[in-house]
Amino acid sequence: MLAKIYKGIGCILVVALLAVANPLAAQTEKGMYTIGGSTNISEAIQSTSNTFSLALSPSFGVFVIRNFAIGGTYSFSVGSSSTLNTNNDVRSTTTTFTTLVGPNLKYYIGKKTMKPFVSANGGYSVYTQIRSNNSPGSSASLTNYDGAQWGGSAGIAYFFNPHISLESALYITTSAYQTQIPTTRFGFSLGLYAFLDKKKTE
């Protein structure tokens, strides 16, 4: 399944690259708006267990000075893990849902069509966990945890034209929830962003 998802993303990127013949100078000037989002996907399969996760992180921002935007983000992620106990043939499944809302800071470096960038975000987060198994008479359990999540990323933004960019980044996030041990994750994300000029939309 993961291979099909990446194949679909690859096709979209190829079409986007072919559609833009002459990249123009990027516009991250003061007063510009940015809106878009990123996603990351992971999957691992072993003989008796498998895990899958998908995260979507839409965000918006306003460039308060050249190359530096302040805004907000809302992220949603879903994860699933399944483990088979070969002794009794019982499969246990854990499904998780995580939401985050909070501020987002982003700084682009340089004036060229390909810009390095760094970003930071954090905020209030809710973690929901559902546990179940296929043994006779068992029932699923649901638990909610309140907490916080914060992190950052560094990557490269490629501007197809003054108003569209494709961004890839390496990220790190740390989550801390009630009664839970804090966890830190590393990964790779891919995003698409639009840049709007308020003066042209009025």
Protein backbone atom coordinates (compact mmCIF):
# COMPACT_ATOMS: atom_id res chain seq x y z
CA MET A 1 0.00 0.00 0.00
CA LEU A 2 2.81 2.42 0.87
CA ALA A 3 4.43 1.84 -2.53
CA LYS A 4 1.17 2.81 -4.29
CA ILE A 5 0.90 6.01 -2.23
CA TYR A 6 4.47 7.05 -3.07
CA LYS A 7 3.88 6.20 -6.73
CA GLY A 8 0.85 8.51 -6.74
CA ILE A 9 2.84 11.33 -5.12
CA GLY A 10 5.60 10.83 -7.70
CA CYS A 11 3.12 11.14 -10.58
CA ILE A 12 1.75 14.40 -9.16
CA LEU A 13 5.24 15.85 -8.85
CA VAL A 14 6.17 14.90 -12.41
CA VAL A 15 3.03 16.57 -13.75
CA ALA A 16 3.74 19.70 -11.73
CA LEU A 17 7.32 19.90 -12.97
CA LEU A 18 6.27 19.47 -16.61
CA ALA A 19 3.59 22.12 -16.24
CA VAL A 20 6.07 24.80 -15.21
CA ALA A 21 8.64 25.66 -17.84
CA ASN A 22 10.19 28.82 -16.41
CA PRO A 23 10.47 29.11 -12.62
CA LEU A 24 10.37 32.74 -11.46
CA ALA A 25 11.82 34.50 -8.49
CA ALA A 26 10.22 33.46 -5.23
CA GLN A 27 8.03 35.93 -3.37
CA THR A 28 8.47 35.78 0.38
CA GLU A 29 8.35 39.53 0.88
CA LYS A 30 6.78 41.34 3.84
CA GLY A 31 2.98 41.36 3.61
CA MET A 32 2.69 38.13 1.61
CA TYR A 33 0.47 35.29 2.87
CA THR A 34 1.26 31.60 2.72
CA ILE A 35 -1.11 28.66 3.00
CA GLY A 36 -0.52 24.97 2.40
CA GLY A 37 0.43 21.81 4.17
CA SER A 38 2.73 18.82 4.41
CA THR A 39 2.34 15.08 4.84
CA ASN A 40 4.44 12.15 5.95
CA ILE A 41 3.75 8.43 5.65
CA SER A 42 5.50 5.41 7.14
CA GLU A 43 4.92 1.67 7.13
CA ALA A 44 6.83 -1.28 8.62
CA ILE A 45 6.02 -4.97 8.15
CA GLN A 46 7.51 -7.89 10.08
CA SER A 47 6.60 -11.55 10.36
CA THR A 48 4.25 -11.13 13.34
CA SER A 49 3.63 -7.38 13.42
CA ASN A 50 3.08 -4.34 11.22
CA THR A 51 2.69 -0.60 11.74
CA PHE A 52 1.38 2.25 9.62
CA SER A 53 1.11 6.01 10.18
CA LEU A 54 -0.13 8.98 8.17
CA ALA A 55 0.05 12.65 9.18
CA LEU A 56 -1.41 15.77 7.55
CA SER A 57 -0.33 19.24 8.67
CA PRO A 58 -2.09 22.22 7.04
CA SER A 59 -0.76 25.66 8.02
CA PHE A 60 -0.96 29.36 7.20
CA GLY A 61 1.29 32.34 7.82
CA VAL A 62 1.96 36.03 7.21
CA PHE A 63 5.40 37.36 6.30
CA VAL A 64 6.05 40.01 8.95
CA ILE A 65 9.46 40.72 7.46
CA ARG A 66 11.16 39.44 4.34
CA ASN A 67 11.50 35.61 4.41
CA PHE A 68 10.04 35.25 7.93
CA ALA A 69 6.44 34.11 8.41
CA ILE A 70 4.38 33.79 11.59
CA GLY A 71 1.17 31.79 11.61
CA GLY A 72 -0.59 28.73 12.89
CA THR A 73 -0.89 25.04 12.19
CA TYR A 74 -3.35 22.23 12.73
CA SER A 75 -2.06 18.69 12.33
CA PHE A 76 -3.85 15.37 12.36
CA SER A 77 -2.25 11.95 12.36
CA VAL A 78 -3.51 8.40 12.49
CA GLY A 79 -1.48 5.33 13.30
CA SER A 80 -2.11 1.61 13.53
CA SER A 81 -0.07 -1.29 14.85
CA SER A 82 -0.92 -4.97 14.87
CA THR A 83 0.88 -7.81 16.65
CA LEU A 84 0.20 -11.56 16.45
CA ASN A 85 0.82 -13.76 19.48
CA THR A 86 1.89 -17.04 17.90
CA ASN A 87 1.33 -18.95 21.17
CA ASN A 88 -2.46 -18.45 21.24
CA ASP A 89 -3.06 -17.05 17.73
CA VAL A 90 -4.48 -13.80 19.14
CA ARG A 91 -3.87 -10.59 17.19
CA SER A 92 -3.78 -7.34 19.16
CA THR A 93 -4.43 -4.04 17.38
CA THR A 94 -3.75 -0.50 18.57
CA THR A 95 -5.12 2.50 16.66
CA THR A 96 -4.12 6.06 17.56
CA PHE A 97 -5.35 9.52 16.60
CA THR A 98 -3.37 12.67 17.36
CA THR A 99 -4.37 16.31 16.83
CA LEU A 100 -2.33 19.46 17.38
CA VAL A 101 -3.17 23.16 17.18
CA GLY A 102 -0.67 25.93 17.79
CA PRO A 103 1.67 28.60 16.40
CA ASN A 104 4.09 28.06 13.54
CA LEU A 105 7.26 29.99 12.65
CA LYS A 106 9.10 29.68 9.35
CA TYR A 107 12.21 31.33 7.93
CA TYR A 108 13.40 31.06 4.31
CA ILE A 109 17.02 31.69 3.41
CA GLY A 110 18.18 33.45 0.24
CA LYS A 111 16.58 34.98 -2.86
CA LYS A 112 16.80 32.13 -5.39
CA THR A 113 14.12 29.78 -6.68
CA MET A 114 15.46 27.03 -4.41
CA LYS A 115 15.42 28.25 -0.81
CA PRO A 116 16.58 26.43 2.33
CA PHE A 117 14.27 26.97 5.29
CA VAL A 118 13.85 26.19 8.98
CA SER A 119 10.59 26.05 10.93
CA ALA A 120 9.35 25.52 14.46
CA ASN A 121 5.91 24.76 15.87
CA GLY A 122 4.20 23.56 19.00
CA GLY A 123 0.93 23.65 20.90
CA TYR A 124 -1.88 21.80 22.57
CA SER A 125 -2.31 18.17 21.54
CA VAL A 126 -4.83 15.38 22.15
CA TYR A 127 -3.86 11.72 21.84
CA THR A 128 -6.55 9.03 21.49
CA GLN A 129 -5.71 5.34 21.75
CA ILE A 130 -7.99 2.40 20.90
CA ARG A 131 -6.90 -1.14 21.85
CA SER A 132 -8.57 -4.37 20.76
CA ASN A 133 -7.87 -8.03 19.99
CA ASN A 134 -9.65 -10.91 18.31
CA SER A 135 -9.95 -13.20 21.34
CA PRO A 136 -13.52 -14.37 22.15
CA GLY A 137 -15.42 -12.09 24.54
CA SER A 138 -12.89 -9.25 24.41
CA SER A 139 -13.95 -5.63 23.94
CA ALA A 140 -12.10 -2.56 22.72
CA SER A 141 -10.82 0.08 25.14
CA LEU A 142 -10.54 3.81 24.38
CA THR A 143 -8.33 6.30 26.22
CA ASN A 144 -7.77 10.04 25.68
CA TYR A 145 -4.69 11.95 26.80
CA ASP A 146 -4.16 15.72 26.89
CA GLY A 147 -0.69 17.14 26.43
CA ALA A 148 1.66 19.16 24.30
CA GLN A 149 3.75 18.67 21.20
CA TRP A 150 6.61 20.73 19.82
CA GLY A 151 9.23 20.35 17.14
CA GLY A 152 11.04 21.76 14.17
CA SER A 153 12.20 21.02 10.66
CA ALA A 154 14.83 21.99 8.10
CA GLY A 155 14.55 21.54 4.38
CA ILE A 156 14.46 22.92 0.86
CA ALA A 157 11.65 24.81 -0.90
CA TYR A 158 11.53 24.82 -4.70
CA PHE A 159 9.45 27.66 -6.17
CA PHE A 160 7.83 26.74 -9.49
CA ASN A 161 6.72 30.38 -9.82
CA PRO A 162 6.20 33.34 -7.44
CA HIS A 163 3.15 31.70 -5.88
CA ILE A 164 3.73 27.92 -5.62
CA SER A 165 6.45 25.95 -3.85
CA LEU A 166 7.18 22.28 -3.24
CA GLU A 167 8.94 21.67 0.06
CA SER A 168 10.77 18.66 1.48
CA ALA A 169 12.14 18.55 5.00
CA LEU A 170 13.58 16.48 7.80
CA TYR A 171 11.65 16.97 11.03
CA ILE A 172 11.82 16.17 14.73
CA THR A 173 8.85 16.26 17.13
CA THR A 174 8.50 15.58 20.85
CA SER A 175 5.17 14.71 22.47
CA ALA A 176 4.33 14.70 26.17
CA TYR A 177 0.96 13.48 27.50
CA GLN A 178 -0.56 12.87 30.91
CA THR A 179 0.73 9.66 32.54
CA GLN A 180 2.71 8.85 29.36
CA ILE A 181 6.46 8.78 28.78
CA PRO A 182 7.49 11.61 26.37
CA THR A 183 8.32 10.37 22.88
CA THR A 184 10.52 11.88 20.16
CA ARG A 185 10.15 11.12 16.46
CA PHE A 186 12.27 11.84 13.40
CA GLY A 187 11.10 11.70 9.81
CA PHE A 188 10.74 13.14 6.32
CA SER A 189 7.85 15.29 5.08
CA LEU A 190 6.68 16.61 1.73
CA GLY A 191 4.51 19.70 1.31
CA LEU A 192 2.91 22.07 -1.19
CA TYR A 193 2.43 25.78 -0.41
CA ALA A 194 0.81 28.81 -2.05
CA PHE A 195 1.98 32.41 -1.62
CA LEU A 196 -0.59 35.18 -1.97
CA ASP A 197 -0.22 38.94 -2.26
CA LYS A 198 -2.91 40.77 -0.27
CA LYS A 199 -2.70 43.85 -2.52
CA LYS A 200 -3.60 41.83 -5.62
CA THR A 201 -6.58 40.15 -3.99
CA GLU A 202 -8.25 43.36 -2.75
